[in-house]
Amino acid sequence: LGVVDLPDSLKDIGDNAFSGCQSLRQVTIGSGLALV
């Protein structure tokens, strides 16, 4: 997985949600995120 674009609606990203994604080079996080 290389790119992740998360919406403004997203409130919660759980522990280790994207851990081990070695190819991840770009993450866009929306404005509504409250808990990581």
All heavy atoms as atom14 arrays in JSON, in Angstrom:
{
  "sequence": "LGVVDLPDSLKDIGDNAFSGCQSLRQVTIGSGLALV",
  "atom14_mask": [
    [1, 1, 1, 1, 1, 1, 1, 1, 0, 0, 0, 0, 0, 0],
    [1, 1, 1, 1, 0, 0, 0, 0, 0, 0, 0, 0, 0, 0],
    [1, 1, 1, 1, 1, 1, 1, 0, 0, 0, 0, 0, 0, 0],
    [1, 1, 1, 1, 1, 1, 1, 0, 0, 0, 0, 0, 0, 0],
    [1, 1, 1, 1, 1, 1, 1, 1, 0, 0, 0, 0, 0, 0],
    [1, 1, 1, 1, 1, 1, 1, 1, 0, 0, 0, 0, 0, 0],
    [1, 1, 1, 1, 1, 1, 1, 0, 0, 0, 0, 0, 0, 0],
    [1, 1, 1, 1, 1, 1, 1, 1, 0, 0, 0, 0, 0, 0],
    [1, 1, 1, 1, 1, 1, 0, 0, 0, 0, 0, 0, 0, 0],
    [1, 1, 1, 1, 1, 1, 1, 1, 0, 0, 0, 0, 0, 0],
    [1, 1, 1, 1, 1, 1, 1, 1, 1, 0, 0, 0, 0, 0],
    [1, 1, 1, 1, 1, 1, 1, 1, 0, 0, 0, 0, 0, 0],
    [1, 1, 1, 1, 1, 1, 1, 1, 0, 0, 0, 0, 0, 0],
    [1, 1, 1, 1, 0, 0, 0, 0, 0, 0, 0, 0, 0, 0],
    [1, 1, 1, 1, 1, 1, 1, 1, 0, 0, 0, 0, 0, 0],
    [1, 1, 1, 1, 1, 1, 1, 1, 0, 0, 0, 0, 0, 0],
    [1, 1, 1, 1, 1, 0, 0, 0, 0, 0, 0, 0, 0, 0],
    [1, 1, 1, 1, 1, 1, 1, 1, 1, 1, 1, 0, 0, 0],
    [1, 1, 1, 1, 1, 1, 0, 0, 0, 0, 0, 0, 0, 0],
    [1, 1, 1, 1, 0, 0, 0, 0, 0, 0, 0, 0, 0, 0],
    [1, 1, 1, 1, 1, 1, 0, 0, 0, 0, 0, 0, 0, 0],
    [1, 1, 1, 1, 1, 1, 1, 1, 1, 0, 0, 0, 0, 0],
    [1, 1, 1, 1, 1, 1, 0, 0, 0, 0, 0, 0, 0, 0],
    [1, 1, 1, 1, 1, 1, 1, 1, 0, 0, 0, 0, 0, 0],
    [1, 1, 1, 1, 1, 1, 1, 1, 1, 1, 1, 0, 0, 0],
    [1, 1, 1, 1, 1, 1, 1, 1, 1, 0, 0, 0, 0, 0],
    [1, 1, 1, 1, 1, 1, 1, 0, 0, 0, 0, 0, 0, 0],
    [1, 1, 1, 1, 1, 1, 1, 0, 0, 0, 0, 0, 0, 0],
    [1, 1, 1, 1, 1, 1, 1, 1, 0, 0, 0, 0, 0, 0],
    [1, 1, 1, 1, 0, 0, 0, 0, 0, 0, 0, 0, 0, 0],
    [1, 1, 1, 1, 1, 1, 0, 0, 0, 0, 0, 0, 0, 0],
    [1, 1, 1, 1, 0, 0, 0, 0, 0, 0, 0, 0, 0, 0],
    [1, 1, 1, 1, 1, 1, 1, 1, 0, 0, 0, 0, 0, 0],
    [1, 1, 1, 1, 1, 0, 0, 0, 0, 0, 0, 0, 0, 0],
    [1, 1, 1, 1, 1, 1, 1, 1, 0, 0, 0, 0, 0, 0],
    [1, 1, 1, 1, 1, 1, 1, 0, 0, 0, 0, 0, 0, 0]
  ],
  "atom14_positions": [
    [[0.84, -1.2, 0.0], [0.0, 0.0, 0.0], [0.87, 1.25, 0.0], [1.72, 1.43, 0.88], [-0.91, -0.02, 1.23], [-2.02, 1.04, 1.3], [-2.96, 0.91, 0.12], [-2.78, 0.9, 2.62], [0.0, 0.0, 0.0], [0.0, 0.0, 0.0], [0.0, 0.0, 0.0], [0.0, 0.0, 0.0], [0.0, 0.0, 0.0], [0.0, 0.0, 0.0]],
    [[0.65, 2.14, -1.0], [1.52, 3.3, -1.16], [0.91, 4.61, -0.74], [1.61, 5.49, -0.21], [0.0, 0.0, 0.0], [0.0, 0.0, 0.0], [0.0, 0.0, 0.0], [0.0, 0.0, 0.0], [0.0, 0.0, 0.0], [0.0, 0.0, 0.0], [0.0, 0.0, 0.0], [0.0, 0.0, 0.0], [0.0, 0.0, 0.0], [0.0, 0.0, 0.0]],
    [[-0.39, 4.8, -0.97], [-1.05, 6.08, -0.71], [-2.37, 5.84, 0.03], [-3.14, 4.97, -0.35], [-1.32, 6.84, -2.03], [-2.07, 8.15, -1.75], [-0.02, 7.13, -2.77], [0.0, 0.0, 0.0], [0.0, 0.0, 0.0], [0.0, 0.0, 0.0], [0.0, 0.0, 0.0], [0.0, 0.0, 0.0], [0.0, 0.0, 0.0], [0.0, 0.0, 0.0]],
    [[-2.61, 6.65, 1.06], [-3.87, 6.57, 1.81], [-4.44, 7.98, 1.94], [-3.77, 8.89, 2.44], [-3.66, 5.96, 3.21], [-4.95, 6.03, 4.01], [-3.18, 4.52, 3.1], [0.0, 0.0, 0.0], [0.0, 0.0, 0.0], [0.0, 0.0, 0.0], [0.0, 0.0, 0.0], [0.0, 0.0, 0.0], [0.0, 0.0, 0.0], [0.0, 0.0, 0.0]],
    [[-5.68, 8.16, 1.51], [-6.36, 9.45, 1.59], [-7.6, 9.26, 2.46], [-8.57, 8.63, 2.04], [-6.76, 9.92, 0.18], [-7.28, 11.35, 0.16], [-7.36, 11.96, 1.26], [-7.62, 11.84, -0.92], [0.0, 0.0, 0.0], [0.0, 0.0, 0.0], [0.0, 0.0, 0.0], [0.0, 0.0, 0.0], [0.0, 0.0, 0.0], [0.0, 0.0, 0.0]],
    [[-7.56, 9.78, 3.69], [-8.63, 9.55, 4.66], [-9.57, 10.76, 4.72], [-9.11, 11.91, 4.71], [-8.02, 9.29, 6.04], [-7.08, 8.07, 6.09], [-6.4, 7.96, 7.45], [-7.83, 6.79, 5.75], [0.0, 0.0, 0.0], [0.0, 0.0, 0.0], [0.0, 0.0, 0.0], [0.0, 0.0, 0.0], [0.0, 0.0, 0.0], [0.0, 0.0, 0.0]],
    [[-10.88, 10.54, 4.82], [-11.87, 11.62, 4.71], [-12.01, 12.44, 5.99], [-11.58, 12.03, 7.07], [-13.16, 10.86, 4.41], [-12.98, 9.55, 5.12], [-11.52, 9.21, 4.95], [0.0, 0.0, 0.0], [0.0, 0.0, 0.0], [0.0, 0.0, 0.0], [0.0, 0.0, 0.0], [0.0, 0.0, 0.0], [0.0, 0.0, 0.0], [0.0, 0.0, 0.0]],
    [[-12.67, 13.59, 5.87], [-12.93, 14.46, 7.01], [-13.85, 13.79, 8.04], [-13.84, 14.17, 9.22], [-13.59, 15.77, 6.54], [-12.63, 16.64, 5.73], [-11.4, 16.47, 5.9], [-13.11, 17.46, 4.93], [0.0, 0.0, 0.0], [0.0, 0.0, 0.0], [0.0, 0.0, 0.0], [0.0, 0.0, 0.0], [0.0, 0.0, 0.0], [0.0, 0.0, 0.0]],
    [[-14.62, 12.84, 7.62], [-15.56, 12.16, 8.52], [-14.87, 11.26, 9.54], [-15.44, 10.93, 10.57], [-16.55, 11.32, 7.7], [-15.83, 10.32, 6.95], [0.0, 0.0, 0.0], [0.0, 0.0, 0.0], [0.0, 0.0, 0.0], [0.0, 0.0, 0.0], [0.0, 0.0, 0.0], [0.0, 0.0, 0.0], [0.0, 0.0, 0.0], [0.0, 0.0, 0.0]],
    [[-13.63, 10.88, 9.27], [-12.93, 9.92, 10.12], [-12.64, 10.5, 11.5], [-12.05, 11.57, 11.63], [-11.62, 9.49, 9.46], [-10.85, 8.36, 10.16], [-11.64, 7.07, 10.15], [-9.49, 8.16, 9.51], [0.0, 0.0, 0.0], [0.0, 0.0, 0.0], [0.0, 0.0, 0.0], [0.0, 0.0, 0.0], [0.0, 0.0, 0.0], [0.0, 0.0, 0.0]],
    [[-13.03, 9.77, 12.56], [-12.85, 10.21, 13.95], [-11.76, 9.43, 14.68], [-11.08, 9.99, 15.53], [-14.18, 10.05, 14.72], [-15.37, 10.76, 14.11], [-15.19, 12.26, 14.1], [-16.44, 12.97, 13.55], [-16.24, 14.43, 13.43], [0.0, 0.0, 0.0], [0.0, 0.0, 0.0], [0.0, 0.0, 0.0], [0.0, 0.0, 0.0], [0.0, 0.0, 0.0]],
    [[-11.62, 8.16, 14.35], [-10.77, 7.29, 15.17], [-9.95, 6.34, 14.3], [-10.51, 5.64, 13.45], [-11.67, 6.49, 16.13], [-10.89, 5.67, 17.15], [-9.64, 5.66, 17.09], [-11.53, 5.03, 17.99], [0.0, 0.0, 0.0], [0.0, 0.0, 0.0], [0.0, 0.0, 0.0], [0.0, 0.0, 0.0], [0.0, 0.0, 0.0], [0.0, 0.0, 0.0]],
    [[-8.63, 6.33, 14.53], [-7.75, 5.36, 13.9], [-7.16, 4.51, 15.01], [-6.51, 5.03, 15.93], [-6.6, 6.04, 13.11], [-7.17, 6.92, 12.0], [-5.68, 4.98, 12.51], [-6.11, 7.68, 11.22], [0.0, 0.0, 0.0], [0.0, 0.0, 0.0], [0.0, 0.0, 0.0], [0.0, 0.0, 0.0], [0.0, 0.0, 0.0], [0.0, 0.0, 0.0]],
    [[-7.39, 3.21, 14.97], [-6.98, 2.32, 16.04], [-5.48, 2.04, 16.07], [-4.74, 2.36, 15.13], [0.0, 0.0, 0.0], [0.0, 0.0, 0.0], [0.0, 0.0, 0.0], [0.0, 0.0, 0.0], [0.0, 0.0, 0.0], [0.0, 0.0, 0.0], [0.0, 0.0, 0.0], [0.0, 0.0, 0.0], [0.0, 0.0, 0.0], [0.0, 0.0, 0.0]],
    [[-5.06, 1.41, 17.15], [-3.65, 1.04, 17.31], [-3.17, 0.18, 16.13], [-3.88, -0.74, 15.7], [-3.46, 0.24, 18.6], [-3.75, 1.04, 19.86], [-3.84, 2.28, 19.76], [-3.92, 0.41, 20.93], [0.0, 0.0, 0.0], [0.0, 0.0, 0.0], [0.0, 0.0, 0.0], [0.0, 0.0, 0.0], [0.0, 0.0, 0.0], [0.0, 0.0, 0.0]],
    [[-1.99, 0.5, 15.64], [-1.34, -0.31, 14.59], [-2.16, -0.42, 13.3], [-1.97, -1.36, 12.53], [-1.02, -1.72, 15.1], [-0.1, -1.71, 16.3], [1.06, -1.33, 16.21], [-0.63, -2.13, 17.45], [0.0, 0.0, 0.0], [0.0, 0.0, 0.0], [0.0, 0.0, 0.0], [0.0, 0.0, 0.0], [0.0, 0.0, 0.0], [0.0, 0.0, 0.0]],
    [[-3.05, 0.52, 13.09], [-3.96, 0.43, 11.95], [-3.24, 0.26, 10.62], [-3.66, -0.53, 9.76], [-4.87, 1.65, 11.88], [0.0, 0.0, 0.0], [0.0, 0.0, 0.0], [0.0, 0.0, 0.0], [0.0, 0.0, 0.0], [0.0, 0.0, 0.0], [0.0, 0.0, 0.0], [0.0, 0.0, 0.0], [0.0, 0.0, 0.0], [0.0, 0.0, 0.0]],
    [[-2.14, 0.99, 10.43], [-1.38, 0.9, 9.19], [0.09, 0.51, 9.46], [0.95, 0.74, 8.62], [-1.42, 2.24, 8.45], [-2.78, 2.6, 7.91], [-3.65, 3.36, 8.69], [-3.2, 2.17, 6.65], [-4.91, 3.71, 8.2], [-4.45, 2.51, 6.17], [-5.31, 3.27, 6.94], [0.0, 0.0, 0.0], [0.0, 0.0, 0.0], [0.0, 0.0, 0.0]],
    [[0.35, -0.07, 10.58], [1.73, -0.44, 10.89], [2.19, -1.57, 9.96], [1.39, -2.41, 9.54], [1.87, -0.88, 12.35], [1.2, -2.1, 12.58], [0.0, 0.0, 0.0], [0.0, 0.0, 0.0], [0.0, 0.0, 0.0], [0.0, 0.0, 0.0], [0.0, 0.0, 0.0], [0.0, 0.0, 0.0], [0.0, 0.0, 0.0], [0.0, 0.0, 0.0]],
    [[3.46, -1.56, 9.65], [3.99, -2.59, 8.77], [3.71, -2.36, 7.3], [3.99, -3.23, 6.47], [0.0, 0.0, 0.0], [0.0, 0.0, 0.0], [0.0, 0.0, 0.0], [0.0, 0.0, 0.0], [0.0, 0.0, 0.0], [0.0, 0.0, 0.0], [0.0, 0.0, 0.0], [0.0, 0.0, 0.0], [0.0, 0.0, 0.0], [0.0, 0.0, 0.0]],
    [[3.13, -1.19, 6.97], [2.88, -0.85, 5.56], [4.16, -0.22, 5.01], [4.29, 1.01, 4.94], [1.69, 0.09, 5.44], [0.12, -0.66, 5.96], [0.0, 0.0, 0.0], [0.0, 0.0, 0.0], [0.0, 0.0, 0.0], [0.0, 0.0, 0.0], [0.0, 0.0, 0.0], [0.0, 0.0, 0.0], [0.0, 0.0, 0.0], [0.0, 0.0, 0.0]],
    [[5.08, -1.03, 4.62], [6.43, -0.6, 4.29], [6.51, 0.32, 3.07], [7.46, 1.1, 2.94], [7.32, -1.84, 4.07], [7.42, -2.73, 5.28], [8.14, -4.03, 5.0], [8.46, -4.35, 3.85], [8.38, -4.81, 6.04], [0.0, 0.0, 0.0], [0.0, 0.0, 0.0], [0.0, 0.0, 0.0], [0.0, 0.0, 0.0], [0.0, 0.0, 0.0]],
    [[5.54, 0.22, 2.17], [5.58, 1.03, 0.95], [4.81, 2.35, 1.08], [4.78, 3.14, 0.13], [5.01, 0.23, -0.23], [5.76, -0.95, -0.45], [0.0, 0.0, 0.0], [0.0, 0.0, 0.0], [0.0, 0.0, 0.0], [0.0, 0.0, 0.0], [0.0, 0.0, 0.0], [0.0, 0.0, 0.0], [0.0, 0.0, 0.0], [0.0, 0.0, 0.0]],
    [[4.21, 2.58, 2.24], [3.38, 3.77, 2.44], [4.24, 5.03, 2.38], [5.14, 5.24, 3.19], [2.67, 3.68, 3.79], [1.49, 4.64, 4.01], [0.4, 4.41, 2.98], [0.94, 4.45, 5.42], [0.0, 0.0, 0.0], [0.0, 0.0, 0.0], [0.0, 0.0, 0.0], [0.0, 0.0, 0.0], [0.0, 0.0, 0.0], [0.0, 0.0, 0.0]],
    [[3.97, 5.89, 1.4], [4.77, 7.09, 1.18], [3.96, 8.37, 1.33], [4.52, 9.46, 1.42], [5.41, 7.05, -0.21], [4.43, 7.04, -1.36], [5.12, 6.9, -2.71], [4.18, 7.0, -3.81], [3.46, 6.0, -4.29], [3.58, 4.79, -3.74], [2.64, 6.18, -5.3], [0.0, 0.0, 0.0], [0.0, 0.0, 0.0], [0.0, 0.0, 0.0]],
    [[2.62, 8.25, 1.33], [1.79, 9.46, 1.43], [0.5, 9.15, 2.18], [-0.21, 8.21, 1.85], [1.45, 10.0, 0.03], [0.58, 11.24, 0.05], [0.25, 11.73, -1.35], [1.1, 11.69, -2.24], [-0.96, 12.21, -1.55], [0.0, 0.0, 0.0], [0.0, 0.0, 0.0], [0.0, 0.0, 0.0], [0.0, 0.0, 0.0], [0.0, 0.0, 0.0]],
    [[0.21, 9.95, 3.2], [-1.02, 9.8, 3.98], [-1.67, 11.17, 4.11], [-1.04, 12.13, 4.56], [-0.75, 9.23, 5.39], [-2.06, 9.14, 6.18], [-0.08, 7.87, 5.31], [0.0, 0.0, 0.0], [0.0, 0.0, 0.0], [0.0, 0.0, 0.0], [0.0, 0.0, 0.0], [0.0, 0.0, 0.0], [0.0, 0.0, 0.0], [0.0, 0.0, 0.0]],
    [[-2.93, 11.26, 3.7], [-3.7, 12.5, 3.86], [-4.79, 12.23, 4.89], [-5.59, 11.3, 4.73], [-4.33, 12.93, 2.54], [-3.31, 13.11, 1.55], [-5.1, 14.23, 2.72], [0.0, 0.0, 0.0], [0.0, 0.0, 0.0], [0.0, 0.0, 0.0], [0.0, 0.0, 0.0], [0.0, 0.0, 0.0], [0.0, 0.0, 0.0], [0.0, 0.0, 0.0]],
    [[-4.81, 13.05, 5.95], [-5.75, 12.85, 7.04], [-6.73, 14.02, 7.07], [-6.33, 15.19, 7.01], [-5.03, 12.73, 8.39], [-4.1, 11.51, 8.38], [-6.03, 12.62, 9.54], [-3.28, 11.35, 9.64], [0.0, 0.0, 0.0], [0.0, 0.0, 0.0], [0.0, 0.0, 0.0], [0.0, 0.0, 0.0], [0.0, 0.0, 0.0], [0.0, 0.0, 0.0]],
    [[-8.02, 13.69, 7.16], [-9.06, 14.72, 7.16], [-9.09, 15.53, 8.45], [-8.44, 15.2, 9.44], [0.0, 0.0, 0.0], [0.0, 0.0, 0.0], [0.0, 0.0, 0.0], [0.0, 0.0, 0.0], [0.0, 0.0, 0.0], [0.0, 0.0, 0.0], [0.0, 0.0, 0.0], [0.0, 0.0, 0.0], [0.0, 0.0, 0.0], [0.0, 0.0, 0.0]],
    [[-9.91, 16.57, 8.44], [-9.96, 17.53, 9.54], [-10.73, 17.03, 10.76], [-10.63, 17.61, 11.84], [-10.61, 18.83, 9.05], [-11.93, 18.58, 8.58], [0.0, 0.0, 0.0], [0.0, 0.0, 0.0], [0.0, 0.0, 0.0], [0.0, 0.0, 0.0], [0.0, 0.0, 0.0], [0.0, 0.0, 0.0], [0.0, 0.0, 0.0], [0.0, 0.0, 0.0]],
    [[-11.47, 15.96, 10.62], [-12.33, 15.51, 11.74], [-11.68, 14.53, 12.68], [-12.31, 14.11, 13.67], [0.0, 0.0, 0.0], [0.0, 0.0, 0.0], [0.0, 0.0, 0.0], [0.0, 0.0, 0.0], [0.0, 0.0, 0.0], [0.0, 0.0, 0.0], [0.0, 0.0, 0.0], [0.0, 0.0, 0.0], [0.0, 0.0, 0.0], [0.0, 0.0, 0.0]],
    [[-10.45, 14.15, 12.45], [-9.8, 13.11, 13.26], [-9.64, 13.56, 14.7], [-9.09, 14.62, 15.0], [-8.44, 12.76, 12.66], [-7.74, 11.54, 13.26], [-8.56, 10.28, 13.03], [-6.34, 11.39, 12.66], [0.0, 0.0, 0.0], [0.0, 0.0, 0.0], [0.0, 0.0, 0.0], [0.0, 0.0, 0.0], [0.0, 0.0, 0.0], [0.0, 0.0, 0.0]],
    [[-10.1, 12.7, 15.66], [-10.05, 13.03, 17.08], [-9.1, 12.14, 17.85], [-8.52, 12.56, 18.86], [-11.46, 12.92, 17.69], [0.0, 0.0, 0.0], [0.0, 0.0, 0.0], [0.0, 0.0, 0.0], [0.0, 0.0, 0.0], [0.0, 0.0, 0.0], [0.0, 0.0, 0.0], [0.0, 0.0, 0.0], [0.0, 0.0, 0.0], [0.0, 0.0, 0.0]],
    [[-8.92, 10.92, 17.41], [-8.1, 9.96, 18.16], [-7.25, 9.12, 17.23], [-7.75, 8.51, 16.29], [-9.02, 9.04, 18.99], [-8.32, 7.98, 19.84], [-7.42, 8.63, 20.9], [-9.35, 7.08, 20.52], [0.0, 0.0, 0.0], [0.0, 0.0, 0.0], [0.0, 0.0, 0.0], [0.0, 0.0, 0.0], [0.0, 0.0, 0.0], [0.0, 0.0, 0.0]],
    [[-5.94, 9.1, 17.5], [-5.01, 8.27, 16.75], [-4.33, 7.31, 17.72], [-3.72, 7.74, 18.72], [-3.93, 9.12, 16.04], [-2.96, 8.21, 15.29], [-4.59, 10.1, 15.08], [0.0, 0.0, 0.0], [0.0, 0.0, 0.0], [0.0, 0.0, 0.0], [0.0, 0.0, 0.0], [0.0, 0.0, 0.0], [0.0, 0.0, 0.0], [0.0, 0.0, 0.0]]
  ]
}
